[in-house]
Amino acid sequence: MVLLAGLIDEGRLRVQIDRIFPFDQIDAAFAHLEAGHAKGKVVVQMSA
Protein backbone atom coordinates (compact mmCIF):
# COMPACT_ATOMS: atom_id res chain seq x y z
CA MET A 1 0.00 0.00 0.00
CA VAL A 2 2.84 2.38 0.82
CA LEU A 3 4.42 1.63 -2.56
CA LEU A 4 1.20 2.46 -4.40
CA ALA A 5 0.73 5.68 -2.43
CA GLY A 6 4.29 6.70 -3.32
CA LEU A 7 3.73 6.04 -7.01
CA ILE A 8 0.53 8.10 -6.96
CA ASP A 9 2.30 10.96 -5.14
CA GLU A 10 5.09 10.90 -7.75
CA GLY A 11 2.57 11.00 -10.58
CA ARG A 12 3.78 7.63 -11.91
CA LEU A 13 0.45 5.93 -11.26
CA ARG A 14 -2.92 7.47 -11.99
CA VAL A 15 -6.31 6.19 -10.93
CA GLN A 16 -8.92 6.45 -13.66
CA ILE A 17 -12.23 7.56 -12.14
CA ASP A 18 -15.13 6.96 -14.48
CA ARG A 19 -17.92 8.50 -12.45
CA ILE A 20 -18.82 9.71 -8.95
CA PHE A 21 -22.27 8.94 -7.54
CA PRO A 22 -23.76 10.37 -4.33
CA PHE A 23 -24.73 7.71 -1.79
CA ASP A 24 -28.44 8.21 -2.44
CA GLN A 25 -27.86 7.06 -6.04
CA ILE A 26 -26.07 3.82 -5.13
CA ASP A 27 -28.58 1.82 -7.21
CA ALA A 28 -27.59 3.84 -10.28
CA ALA A 29 -23.91 3.23 -9.50
CA PHE A 30 -24.45 -0.54 -9.44
CA ALA A 31 -26.53 -0.38 -12.62
CA HIS A 32 -23.71 1.57 -14.31
CA LEU A 33 -21.22 -1.15 -13.31
CA GLU A 34 -23.46 -4.07 -14.23
CA ALA A 35 -24.21 -2.59 -17.65
CA GLY A 36 -20.48 -2.55 -18.40
CA HIS A 37 -20.35 1.21 -18.96
CA ALA A 38 -17.57 1.92 -16.46
CA LYS A 39 -14.20 2.72 -18.05
CA GLY A 40 -12.52 3.19 -14.68
CA LYS A 41 -13.38 3.27 -11.01
CA VAL A 42 -16.89 4.10 -9.89
CA VAL A 43 -16.91 6.09 -6.66
CA VAL A 44 -19.83 6.27 -4.23
CA GLN A 45 -19.44 9.45 -2.22
CA MET A 46 -20.73 9.44 1.34
CA SER A 47 -21.69 12.62 3.16
CA ALA A 48 -19.81 13.53 6.32
PDB file of N, CA and C in Angstrom:
ATOM      1  N   MET A   1       0.823  -1.185   0.000  1.00  0.00           N
ATOM      2  CA  MET A   1       0.000   0.000   0.000  1.00  0.00           C
ATOM      3  C   MET A   1       0.872   1.254   0.000  1.00  0.00           C
ATOM      4  N   VAL A   2       1.937   1.231   0.761  1.00  0.00           N
ATOM      5  CA  VAL A   2       2.843   2.376   0.818  1.00  0.00           C
ATOM      6  C   VAL A   2       3.476   2.609  -0.552  1.00  0.00           C
ATOM      7  N   LEU A   3       3.835   1.522  -1.225  1.00  0.00           N
ATOM      8  CA  LEU A   3       4.424   1.627  -2.564  1.00  0.00           C
ATOM      9  C   LEU A   3       3.450   2.300  -3.526  1.00  0.00           C
ATOM     10  N   LEU A   4       2.201   1.870  -3.514  1.00  0.00           N
ATOM     11  CA  LEU A   4       1.199   2.464  -4.402  1.00  0.00           C
ATOM     12  C   LEU A   4       0.983   3.939  -4.095  1.00  0.00           C
ATOM     13  N   ALA A   5       0.910   4.281  -2.815  1.00  0.00           N
ATOM     14  CA  ALA A   5       0.731   5.683  -2.430  1.00  0.00           C
ATOM     15  C   ALA A   5       1.896   6.527  -2.927  1.00  0.00           C
ATOM     16  N   GLY A   6       3.104   5.995  -2.829  1.00  0.00           N
ATOM     17  CA  GLY A   6       4.285   6.704  -3.316  1.00  0.00           C
ATOM     18  C   GLY A   6       4.232   6.930  -4.818  1.00  0.00           C
ATOM     19  N   LEU A   7       3.829   5.909  -5.559  1.00  0.00           N
ATOM     20  CA  LEU A   7       3.725   6.036  -7.013  1.00  0.00           C
ATOM     21  C   LEU A   7       2.671   7.066  -7.410  1.00  0.00           C
ATOM     22  N   ILE A   8       1.574   7.104  -6.685  1.00  0.00           N
ATOM     23  CA  ILE A   8       0.534   8.098  -6.958  1.00  0.00           C
ATOM     24  C   ILE A   8       1.055   9.495  -6.653  1.00  0.00           C
ATOM     25  N   ASP A   9       1.735   9.658  -5.513  1.00  0.00           N
ATOM     26  CA  ASP A   9       2.298  10.960  -5.139  1.00  0.00           C
ATOM     27  C   ASP A   9       3.298  11.460  -6.170  1.00  0.00           C
ATOM     28  N   GLU A  10       4.074  10.538  -6.751  1.00  0.00           N
ATOM     29  CA  GLU A  10       5.086  10.902  -7.748  1.00  0.00           C
ATOM     30  C   GLU A  10       4.482  11.132  -9.131  1.00  0.00           C
ATOM     31  N   GLY A  11       3.213  10.833  -9.282  1.00  0.00           N
ATOM     32  CA  GLY A  11       2.571  10.996 -10.577  1.00  0.00           C
ATOM     33  C   GLY A  11       2.868   9.867 -11.546  1.00  0.00           C
ATOM     34  N   ARG A  12       3.427   8.765 -11.051  1.00  0.00           N
ATOM     35  CA  ARG A  12       3.781   7.634 -11.905  1.00  0.00           C
ATOM     36  C   ARG A  12       2.639   6.632 -12.033  1.00  0.00           C
ATOM     37  N   LEU A  13       1.621   6.796 -11.217  1.00  0.00           N
ATOM     38  CA  LEU A  13       0.446   5.932 -11.261  1.00  0.00           C
ATOM     39  C   LEU A  13      -0.784   6.809 -11.107  1.00  0.00           C
ATOM     40  N   ARG A  14      -1.701   6.668 -12.043  1.00  0.00           N
ATOM     41  CA  ARG A  14      -2.921   7.471 -11.993  1.00  0.00           C
ATOM     42  C   ARG A  14      -4.118   6.549 -11.890  1.00  0.00           C
ATOM     43  N   VAL A  15      -5.067   6.943 -11.083  1.00  0.00           N
ATOM     44  CA  VAL A  15      -6.305   6.191 -10.926  1.00  0.00           C
ATOM     45  C   VAL A  15      -7.341   6.811 -11.862  1.00  0.00           C
ATOM     46  N   GLN A  16      -7.910   5.988 -12.719  1.00  0.00           N
ATOM     47  CA  GLN A  16      -8.919   6.453 -13.665  1.00  0.00           C
ATOM     48  C   GLN A  16     -10.295   6.377 -13.004  1.00  0.00           C
ATOM     49  N   ILE A  17     -10.887   7.523 -12.723  1.00  0.00           N
ATOM     50  CA  ILE A  17     -12.226   7.562 -12.136  1.00  0.00           C
ATOM     51  C   ILE A  17     -13.217   7.808 -13.265  1.00  0.00           C
ATOM     52  N   ASP A  18     -14.130   6.863 -13.428  1.00  0.00           N
ATOM     53  CA  ASP A  18     -15.132   6.963 -14.481  1.00  0.00           C
ATOM     54  C   ASP A  18     -16.258   7.912 -14.084  1.00  0.00           C
ATOM     55  N   ARG A  19     -16.762   7.713 -12.869  1.00  0.00           N
ATOM     56  CA  ARG A  19     -17.920   8.498 -12.446  1.00  0.00           C
ATOM     57  C   ARG A  19     -18.041   8.492 -10.929  1.00  0.00           C
ATOM     58  N   ILE A  20     -18.590   9.586 -10.388  1.00  0.00           N
ATOM     59  CA  ILE A  20     -18.824   9.705  -8.949  1.00  0.00           C
ATOM     60  C   ILE A  20     -20.334   9.826  -8.728  1.00  0.00           C
ATOM     61  N   PHE A  21     -20.853   8.943  -7.876  1.00  0.00           N
ATOM     62  CA  PHE A  21     -22.274   8.945  -7.539  1.00  0.00           C
ATOM     63  C   PHE A  21     -22.435   9.329  -6.077  1.00  0.00           C
ATOM     64  N   PRO A  22     -23.452  10.143  -5.744  1.00  0.00           N
ATOM     65  CA  PRO A  22     -23.760  10.371  -4.328  1.00  0.00           C
ATOM     66  C   PRO A  22     -24.369   9.101  -3.750  1.00  0.00           C
ATOM     67  N   PHE A  23     -24.268   8.935  -2.447  1.00  0.00           N
ATOM     68  CA  PHE A  23     -24.733   7.712  -1.793  1.00  0.00           C
ATOM     69  C   PHE A  23     -26.204   7.416  -2.080  1.00  0.00           C
ATOM     70  N   ASP A  24     -27.012   8.455  -2.200  1.00  0.00           N
ATOM     71  CA  ASP A  24     -28.442   8.210  -2.438  1.00  0.00           C
ATOM     72  C   ASP A  24     -28.739   7.699  -3.849  1.00  0.00           C
ATOM     73  N   GLN A  25     -27.705   7.614  -4.693  1.00  0.00           N
ATOM     74  CA  GLN A  25     -27.857   7.061  -6.040  1.00  0.00           C
ATOM     75  C   GLN A  25     -27.048   5.769  -6.200  1.00  0.00           C
ATOM     76  N   ILE A  26     -26.884   5.038  -5.099  1.00  0.00           N
ATOM     77  CA  ILE A  26     -26.073   3.823  -5.132  1.00  0.00           C
ATOM     78  C   ILE A  26     -26.645   2.785  -6.105  1.00  0.00           C
ATOM     79  N   ASP A  27     -27.970   2.743  -6.250  1.00  0.00           N
ATOM     80  CA  ASP A  27     -28.578   1.822  -7.214  1.00  0.00           C
ATOM     81  C   ASP A  27     -28.124   2.148  -8.639  1.00  0.00           C
ATOM     82  N   ALA A  28     -28.050   3.424  -8.954  1.00  0.00           N
ATOM     83  CA  ALA A  28     -27.592   3.843 -10.280  1.00  0.00           C
ATOM     84  C   ALA A  28     -26.121   3.493 -10.480  1.00  0.00           C
ATOM     85  N   ALA A  29     -25.330   3.587  -9.415  1.00  0.00           N
ATOM     86  CA  ALA A  29     -23.910   3.229  -9.504  1.00  0.00           C
ATOM     87  C   ALA A  29     -23.749   1.750  -9.833  1.00  0.00           C
ATOM     88  N   PHE A  30     -24.511   0.894  -9.152  1.00  0.00           N
ATOM     89  CA  PHE A  30     -24.445  -0.540  -9.439  1.00  0.00           C
ATOM     90  C   PHE A  30     -24.950  -0.845 -10.843  1.00  0.00           C
ATOM     91  N   ALA A  31     -26.001  -0.170 -11.270  1.00  0.00           N
ATOM     92  CA  ALA A  31     -26.526  -0.380 -12.622  1.00  0.00           C
ATOM     93  C   ALA A  31     -25.484   0.013 -13.661  1.00  0.00           C
ATOM     94  N   HIS A  32     -24.767   1.100 -13.411  1.00  0.00           N
ATOM     95  CA  HIS A  32     -23.705   1.566 -14.308  1.00  0.00           C
ATOM     96  C   HIS A  32     -22.614   0.503 -14.433  1.00  0.00           C
ATOM     97  N   LEU A  33     -22.234  -0.083 -13.306  1.00  0.00           N
ATOM     98  CA  LEU A  33     -21.222  -1.148 -13.312  1.00  0.00           C
ATOM     99  C   LEU A  33     -21.724  -2.397 -14.027  1.00  0.00           C
ATOM    100  N   GLU A  34     -22.916  -2.835 -13.672  1.00  0.00           N
ATOM    101  CA  GLU A  34     -23.459  -4.069 -14.233  1.00  0.00           C
ATOM    102  C   GLU A  34     -23.694  -3.971 -15.734  1.00  0.00           C
ATOM    103  N   ALA A  35     -23.984  -2.776 -16.225  1.00  0.00           N
ATOM    104  CA  ALA A  35     -24.214  -2.586 -17.655  1.00  0.00           C
ATOM    105  C   ALA A  35     -22.909  -2.577 -18.444  1.00  0.00           C
ATOM    106  N   GLY A  36     -21.779  -2.538 -17.731  1.00  0.00           N
ATOM    107  CA  GLY A  36     -20.482  -2.549 -18.404  1.00  0.00           C
ATOM    108  C   GLY A  36     -20.059  -1.202 -18.957  1.00  0.00           C
ATOM    109  N   HIS A  37     -20.664  -0.126 -18.461  1.00  0.00           N
ATOM    110  CA  HIS A  37     -20.350   1.210 -18.963  1.00  0.00           C
ATOM    111  C   HIS A  37     -19.102   1.826 -18.326  1.00  0.00           C
ATOM    112  N   ALA A  38     -18.682   1.314 -17.196  1.00  0.00           N
ATOM    113  CA  ALA A  38     -17.565   1.922 -16.462  1.00  0.00           C
ATOM    114  C   ALA A  38     -16.255   1.702 -17.206  1.00  0.00           C
ATOM    115  N   LYS A  39     -15.520   2.777 -17.412  1.00  0.00           N
ATOM    116  CA  LYS A  39     -14.199   2.723 -18.046  1.00  0.00           C
ATOM    117  C   LYS A  39     -13.095   3.002 -17.033  1.00  0.00           C
ATOM    118  N   GLY A  40     -13.447   2.949 -15.774  1.00  0.00           N
ATOM    119  CA  GLY A  40     -12.517   3.190 -14.680  1.00  0.00           C
ATOM    120  C   GLY A  40     -13.235   2.889 -13.378  1.00  0.00           C
ATOM    121  N   LYS A  41     -12.772   3.493 -12.325  1.00  0.00           N
ATOM    122  CA  LYS A  41     -13.375   3.269 -11.009  1.00  0.00           C
ATOM    123  C   LYS A  41     -14.680   4.044 -10.877  1.00  0.00           C
ATOM    124  N   VAL A  42     -15.631   3.435 -10.207  1.00  0.00           N
ATOM    125  CA  VAL A  42     -16.892   4.097  -9.887  1.00  0.00           C
ATOM    126  C   VAL A  42     -16.858   4.384  -8.391  1.00  0.00           C
ATOM    127  N   VAL A  43     -17.015   5.643  -8.046  1.00  0.00           N
ATOM    128  CA  VAL A  43     -16.913   6.089  -6.658  1.00  0.00           C
ATOM    129  C   VAL A  43     -18.304   6.402  -6.131  1.00  0.00           C
ATOM    130  N   VAL A  44     -18.592   5.916  -4.929  1.00  0.00           N
ATOM    131  CA  VAL A  44     -19.829   6.274  -4.234  1.00  0.00           C
ATOM    132  C   VAL A  44     -19.421   7.191  -3.091  1.00  0.00           C
ATOM    133  N   GLN A  45     -19.849   8.436  -3.187  1.00  0.00           N
ATOM    134  CA  GLN A  45     -19.443   9.453  -2.215  1.00  0.00           C
ATOM    135  C   GLN A  45     -20.440   9.495  -1.066  1.00  0.00           C
ATOM    136  N   MET A  46     -19.899   9.400   0.136  1.00  0.00           N
ATOM    137  CA  MET A  46     -20.732   9.436   1.338  1.00  0.00           C
ATOM    138  C   MET A  46     -20.603  10.802   1.990  1.00  0.00           C
ATOM    139  N   SER A  47     -21.706  11.330   2.472  1.00  0.00           N
ATOM    140  CA  SER A  47     -21.691  12.621   3.162  1.00  0.00           C
ATOM    141  C   SER A  47     -21.052  12.468   4.529  1.00  0.00           C
ATOM    142  N   ALA A  48     -20.438  13.551   4.990  1.00  0.00           N
ATOM    143  CA  ALA A  48     -19.812  13.528   6.316  1.00  0.00           C
ATOM    144  C   ALA A  48     -20.809  13.845   7.388  1.00  0.00           C
TER     145      ALA A  48
END
